Amino acid sequence: MKIEGNQKEIDAMEQFHRGNRQQGLQLQEEFAAAFREEYQNKDHCPCKKACRYHGNCKECVAIHRAHQEHVPNCMRPIINKKLKLLSELTEHTIANEIKPPHEILRKEF
């Protein structure tokens, strides 16, 4: 089962945007049911960083909500994709103003 960019969830969001809440909820539940079945005994976490909370989204997200310093590694590609679109408005000149922290410059994977 593909999680990121899952067509059923994309279709659900399209229904929500069209105002078809019931159809959106139905598609969303179909995705959630398939997810529960597929991943009840498999690792679903895309994070490649060794972490005590790997695969435990509930605790991982709670920790990040609590310290509010950064977002979980698994959410970064989604947010970066959106930021990249915004950055196009200024020809990505923001890149000249950003210095990545030391831990980002390391090769971990």
N, C-alpha and C. Protein backbone atom coordinates (compact mmCIF):
# COMPACT_ATOMS: atom_id res chain seq x y z
N MET A 1 0.85 -1.19 0.00
CA MET A 1 0.00 0.00 0.00
C MET A 1 0.88 1.24 0.00
N LYS A 2 0.59 2.14 -0.88
CA LYS A 2 1.30 3.41 -0.95
C LYS A 2 0.59 4.41 -0.03
N ILE A 3 1.34 5.03 0.87
CA ILE A 3 0.75 6.01 1.78
C ILE A 3 0.88 7.41 1.19
N GLU A 4 2.13 7.85 0.95
CA GLU A 4 2.34 9.19 0.40
C GLU A 4 1.74 9.27 -0.99
N GLY A 5 0.89 10.27 -1.20
CA GLY A 5 0.27 10.45 -2.50
C GLY A 5 -0.75 9.36 -2.83
N ASN A 6 -1.39 8.79 -1.83
CA ASN A 6 -2.36 7.72 -2.04
C ASN A 6 -3.57 8.26 -2.82
N GLN A 7 -3.91 7.59 -3.91
CA GLN A 7 -4.97 8.07 -4.79
C GLN A 7 -6.32 8.14 -4.09
N LYS A 8 -6.62 7.19 -3.23
CA LYS A 8 -7.91 7.20 -2.52
C LYS A 8 -8.02 8.45 -1.65
N GLU A 9 -6.93 8.82 -0.97
CA GLU A 9 -6.95 10.02 -0.13
C GLU A 9 -6.99 11.29 -0.98
N ILE A 10 -6.31 11.26 -2.12
CA ILE A 10 -6.38 12.41 -3.04
C ILE A 10 -7.82 12.59 -3.51
N ASP A 11 -8.47 11.49 -3.85
CA ASP A 11 -9.88 11.54 -4.26
C ASP A 11 -10.77 12.03 -3.12
N ALA A 12 -10.48 11.59 -1.91
CA ALA A 12 -11.26 12.04 -0.75
C ALA A 12 -11.15 13.55 -0.59
N MET A 13 -9.93 14.07 -0.69
CA MET A 13 -9.75 15.52 -0.55
C MET A 13 -10.46 16.28 -1.67
N GLU A 14 -10.45 15.72 -2.86
CA GLU A 14 -11.17 16.35 -3.97
C GLU A 14 -12.66 16.45 -3.65
N GLN A 15 -13.22 15.38 -3.08
CA GLN A 15 -14.63 15.40 -2.70
C GLN A 15 -14.90 16.44 -1.61
N PHE A 16 -14.01 16.53 -0.62
CA PHE A 16 -14.17 17.55 0.42
C PHE A 16 -14.18 18.94 -0.21
N HIS A 17 -13.24 19.20 -1.12
CA HIS A 17 -13.14 20.52 -1.76
C HIS A 17 -14.38 20.84 -2.60
N ARG A 18 -15.01 19.82 -3.14
CA ARG A 18 -16.24 20.01 -3.93
C ARG A 18 -17.47 20.17 -3.04
N GLY A 19 -17.28 20.00 -1.74
CA GLY A 19 -18.41 20.11 -0.81
C GLY A 19 -19.12 18.79 -0.56
N ASN A 20 -18.57 17.69 -1.08
CA ASN A 20 -19.18 16.37 -0.90
C ASN A 20 -18.56 15.71 0.34
N ARG A 21 -18.93 16.21 1.50
CA ARG A 21 -18.33 15.74 2.75
C ARG A 21 -18.54 14.25 2.99
N GLN A 22 -19.74 13.78 2.77
CA GLN A 22 -20.04 12.36 3.02
C GLN A 22 -19.18 11.45 2.14
N GLN A 23 -19.07 11.79 0.85
CA GLN A 23 -18.25 10.99 -0.06
C GLN A 23 -16.78 11.06 0.36
N GLY A 24 -16.33 12.24 0.76
CA GLY A 24 -14.95 12.40 1.23
C GLY A 24 -14.69 11.55 2.46
N LEU A 25 -15.61 11.57 3.42
CA LEU A 25 -15.46 10.77 4.64
C LEU A 25 -15.45 9.28 4.33
N GLN A 26 -16.29 8.87 3.39
CA GLN A 26 -16.33 7.45 3.02
C GLN A 26 -15.00 7.01 2.42
N LEU A 27 -14.47 7.80 1.49
CA LEU A 27 -13.18 7.46 0.88
C LEU A 27 -12.06 7.48 1.92
N GLN A 28 -12.13 8.44 2.82
CA GLN A 28 -11.11 8.53 3.87
C GLN A 28 -11.15 7.30 4.77
N GLU A 29 -12.33 6.85 5.10
CA GLU A 29 -12.44 5.65 5.94
C GLU A 29 -11.96 4.41 5.20
N GLU A 30 -12.21 4.35 3.90
CA GLU A 30 -11.70 3.22 3.10
C GLU A 30 -10.17 3.21 3.14
N PHE A 31 -9.56 4.38 3.02
CA PHE A 31 -8.10 4.46 3.12
C PHE A 31 -7.63 4.00 4.50
N ALA A 32 -8.28 4.53 5.55
CA ALA A 32 -7.88 4.20 6.92
C ALA A 32 -8.05 2.70 7.20
N ALA A 33 -9.12 2.11 6.70
CA ALA A 33 -9.35 0.68 6.90
C ALA A 33 -8.28 -0.14 6.19
N ALA A 34 -7.94 0.25 4.97
CA ALA A 34 -6.89 -0.45 4.22
C ALA A 34 -5.55 -0.28 4.93
N PHE A 35 -5.29 0.91 5.47
CA PHE A 35 -4.05 1.16 6.20
C PHE A 35 -3.98 0.26 7.44
N ARG A 36 -5.06 0.22 8.20
CA ARG A 36 -5.07 -0.62 9.41
C ARG A 36 -4.79 -2.07 9.07
N GLU A 37 -5.40 -2.56 8.01
CA GLU A 37 -5.21 -3.96 7.61
C GLU A 37 -3.78 -4.21 7.14
N GLU A 38 -3.29 -3.35 6.27
CA GLU A 38 -1.96 -3.53 5.67
C GLU A 38 -0.83 -3.40 6.69
N TYR A 39 -0.99 -2.46 7.61
CA TYR A 39 0.14 -2.13 8.49
C TYR A 39 -0.05 -2.57 9.94
N GLN A 40 -0.96 -3.48 10.19
CA GLN A 40 -1.14 -3.92 11.57
C GLN A 40 0.10 -4.61 12.12
N ASN A 41 0.89 -5.23 11.26
CA ASN A 41 2.11 -5.92 11.70
C ASN A 41 3.34 -5.52 10.90
N LYS A 42 3.27 -4.39 10.19
CA LYS A 42 4.40 -3.94 9.37
C LYS A 42 4.78 -2.51 9.76
N ASP A 43 6.02 -2.16 9.48
CA ASP A 43 6.51 -0.81 9.73
C ASP A 43 5.98 0.14 8.66
N HIS A 44 5.33 1.20 9.06
CA HIS A 44 4.80 2.19 8.13
C HIS A 44 5.57 3.50 8.15
N CYS A 45 6.50 3.62 9.08
CA CYS A 45 7.19 4.89 9.29
C CYS A 45 8.28 5.10 8.23
N PRO A 46 8.23 6.22 7.48
CA PRO A 46 9.24 6.47 6.45
C PRO A 46 10.53 7.07 7.00
N CYS A 47 10.55 7.40 8.28
CA CYS A 47 11.73 8.03 8.88
C CYS A 47 12.89 7.03 8.90
N LYS A 48 14.03 7.47 8.44
CA LYS A 48 15.21 6.60 8.40
C LYS A 48 16.15 6.87 9.57
N LYS A 49 15.78 7.81 10.43
CA LYS A 49 16.60 8.14 11.59
C LYS A 49 16.26 7.18 12.73
N ALA A 50 17.30 6.64 13.35
CA ALA A 50 17.08 5.75 14.50
C ALA A 50 16.47 6.57 15.63
N CYS A 51 15.33 6.14 16.11
CA CYS A 51 14.61 6.92 17.12
C CYS A 51 13.77 5.98 17.97
N ARG A 52 13.70 6.27 19.23
CA ARG A 52 12.91 5.47 20.15
C ARG A 52 11.43 5.47 19.77
N TYR A 53 10.97 6.51 19.08
CA TYR A 53 9.55 6.67 18.75
C TYR A 53 9.22 6.26 17.32
N HIS A 54 10.17 5.61 16.63
CA HIS A 54 9.95 5.18 15.25
C HIS A 54 8.67 4.35 15.14
N GLY A 55 7.77 4.78 14.29
CA GLY A 55 6.51 4.07 14.08
C GLY A 55 5.43 4.38 15.08
N ASN A 56 5.75 5.14 16.11
CA ASN A 56 4.77 5.52 17.12
C ASN A 56 4.38 6.98 16.89
N CYS A 57 3.55 7.20 15.87
CA CYS A 57 3.20 8.55 15.43
C CYS A 57 2.57 9.39 16.55
N LYS A 58 1.73 8.76 17.33
CA LYS A 58 1.02 9.49 18.38
C LYS A 58 2.00 10.16 19.35
N GLU A 59 2.97 9.41 19.85
CA GLU A 59 3.94 9.99 20.79
C GLU A 59 4.91 10.92 20.08
N CYS A 60 5.34 10.55 18.87
CA CYS A 60 6.28 11.39 18.11
C CYS A 60 5.68 12.77 17.86
N VAL A 61 4.46 12.81 17.35
CA VAL A 61 3.81 14.09 17.06
C VAL A 61 3.58 14.88 18.35
N ALA A 62 3.19 14.20 19.43
CA ALA A 62 2.99 14.89 20.71
C ALA A 62 4.28 15.56 21.18
N ILE A 63 5.40 14.88 21.03
CA ILE A 63 6.70 15.45 21.43
C ILE A 63 6.99 16.70 20.60
N HIS A 64 6.79 16.61 19.30
CA HIS A 64 7.07 17.76 18.43
C HIS A 64 6.10 18.90 18.68
N ARG A 65 4.84 18.59 18.97
CA ARG A 65 3.88 19.63 19.32
C ARG A 65 4.29 20.31 20.62
N ALA A 66 4.83 19.52 21.53
CA ALA A 66 5.20 20.07 22.84
C ALA A 66 6.39 21.02 22.75
N HIS A 67 7.46 20.61 22.07
CA HIS A 67 8.64 21.49 22.03
C HIS A 67 8.55 22.55 20.94
N GLN A 68 7.77 22.33 19.91
CA GLN A 68 7.50 23.29 18.83
C GLN A 68 8.75 23.88 18.20
N GLU A 69 9.82 23.11 18.17
CA GLU A 69 11.06 23.61 17.58
C GLU A 69 11.18 23.22 16.11
N HIS A 70 10.72 22.04 15.75
CA HIS A 70 10.75 21.58 14.37
C HIS A 70 9.69 20.50 14.21
N VAL A 71 9.55 19.98 13.00
CA VAL A 71 8.52 18.97 12.74
C VAL A 71 9.16 17.60 12.60
N PRO A 72 8.37 16.54 12.77
CA PRO A 72 8.91 15.19 12.61
C PRO A 72 9.55 15.01 11.23
N ASN A 73 10.58 14.19 11.17
CA ASN A 73 11.28 13.95 9.90
C ASN A 73 10.33 13.50 8.79
N CYS A 74 9.34 12.71 9.12
CA CYS A 74 8.43 12.18 8.10
C CYS A 74 7.56 13.27 7.47
N MET A 75 7.39 14.40 8.16
CA MET A 75 6.56 15.48 7.64
C MET A 75 7.35 16.47 6.80
N ARG A 76 8.66 16.43 6.88
CA ARG A 76 9.49 17.43 6.20
C ARG A 76 9.33 17.42 4.69
N PRO A 77 9.30 16.26 4.02
CA PRO A 77 9.12 16.31 2.56
C PRO A 77 7.81 16.98 2.14
N ILE A 78 6.74 16.77 2.89
CA ILE A 78 5.45 17.37 2.57
C ILE A 78 5.55 18.89 2.71
N ILE A 79 6.10 19.35 3.82
CA ILE A 79 6.22 20.79 4.07
C ILE A 79 7.20 21.43 3.09
N ASN A 80 8.33 20.76 2.83
CA ASN A 80 9.31 21.30 1.88
C ASN A 80 8.71 21.45 0.48
N LYS A 81 7.86 20.51 0.09
CA LYS A 81 7.22 20.59 -1.23
C LYS A 81 6.36 21.86 -1.32
N LYS A 82 5.63 22.13 -0.26
CA LYS A 82 4.79 23.34 -0.23
C LYS A 82 5.64 24.61 -0.19
N LEU A 83 6.71 24.59 0.61
CA LEU A 83 7.60 25.75 0.71
C LEU A 83 8.31 26.03 -0.62
N LYS A 84 8.65 24.96 -1.32
CA LYS A 84 9.31 25.13 -2.62
C LYS A 84 8.41 25.88 -3.58
N LEU A 85 7.12 25.55 -3.57
CA LEU A 85 6.17 26.25 -4.43
C LEU A 85 6.11 27.74 -4.08
N LEU A 86 6.08 28.04 -2.78
CA LEU A 86 6.08 29.44 -2.36
C LEU A 86 7.37 30.14 -2.72
N SER A 87 8.48 29.44 -2.59
CA SER A 87 9.78 30.01 -2.88
C SER A 87 9.92 30.39 -4.36
N GLU A 88 9.19 29.72 -5.22
CA GLU A 88 9.23 30.05 -6.65
C GLU A 88 8.76 31.48 -6.90
N LEU A 89 7.94 32.02 -5.99
CA LEU A 89 7.45 33.39 -6.16
C LEU A 89 8.58 34.42 -6.13
N THR A 90 9.68 34.06 -5.48
CA THR A 90 10.83 34.97 -5.42
C THR A 90 12.06 34.35 -6.06
N GLU A 91 11.84 33.51 -7.05
CA GLU A 91 12.92 32.84 -7.77
C GLU A 91 13.88 32.14 -6.82
N HIS A 92 13.36 31.61 -5.74
CA HIS A 92 14.12 30.85 -4.74
C HIS A 92 15.27 31.65 -4.11
N THR A 93 15.16 32.96 -4.12
CA THR A 93 16.23 33.79 -3.54
C THR A 93 16.34 33.61 -2.03
N ILE A 94 15.33 33.06 -1.38
CA ILE A 94 15.42 32.78 0.06
C ILE A 94 16.59 31.84 0.35
N ALA A 95 16.95 31.00 -0.62
CA ALA A 95 18.05 30.06 -0.44
C ALA A 95 19.35 30.79 -0.10
N ASN A 96 19.50 32.02 -0.58
CA ASN A 96 20.70 32.80 -0.29
C ASN A 96 20.74 33.29 1.15
N GLU A 97 19.61 33.24 1.83
CA GLU A 97 19.51 33.76 3.19
C GLU A 97 19.49 32.66 4.24
N ILE A 98 19.49 31.40 3.82
CA ILE A 98 19.37 30.28 4.75
C ILE A 98 20.70 29.56 4.90
N LYS A 99 21.10 29.39 6.15
CA LYS A 99 22.28 28.59 6.46
C LYS A 99 21.78 27.38 7.26
N PRO A 100 21.89 26.17 6.69
CA PRO A 100 21.40 24.99 7.40
C PRO A 100 22.18 24.75 8.68
N PRO A 101 21.50 24.26 9.72
CA PRO A 101 22.21 23.92 10.95
C PRO A 101 23.17 22.76 10.72
N HIS A 102 24.15 22.63 11.58
CA HIS A 102 25.20 21.62 11.44
C HIS A 102 24.64 20.22 11.24
N GLU A 103 23.58 19.85 11.98
CA GLU A 103 23.07 18.48 11.87
C GLU A 103 22.48 18.20 10.49
N ILE A 104 22.05 19.20 9.76
CA ILE A 104 21.52 19.00 8.42
C ILE A 104 22.65 18.77 7.42
N LEU A 105 23.81 19.32 7.70
CA LEU A 105 24.95 19.19 6.80
C LEU A 105 25.59 17.82 6.87
N ARG A 106 25.31 17.06 7.94
CA ARG A 106 25.86 15.70 8.07
C ARG A 106 25.18 14.75 7.12
N LYS A 107 25.90 13.76 6.65
CA LYS A 107 25.31 12.68 5.87
C LYS A 107 24.91 11.59 6.85
N GLU A 108 23.61 11.37 7.04
CA GLU A 108 23.14 10.38 8.00
C GLU A 108 22.70 9.10 7.32
N PHE A 109 22.26 9.18 6.10
CA PHE A 109 21.64 8.03 5.46
C PHE A 109 22.48 7.55 4.31
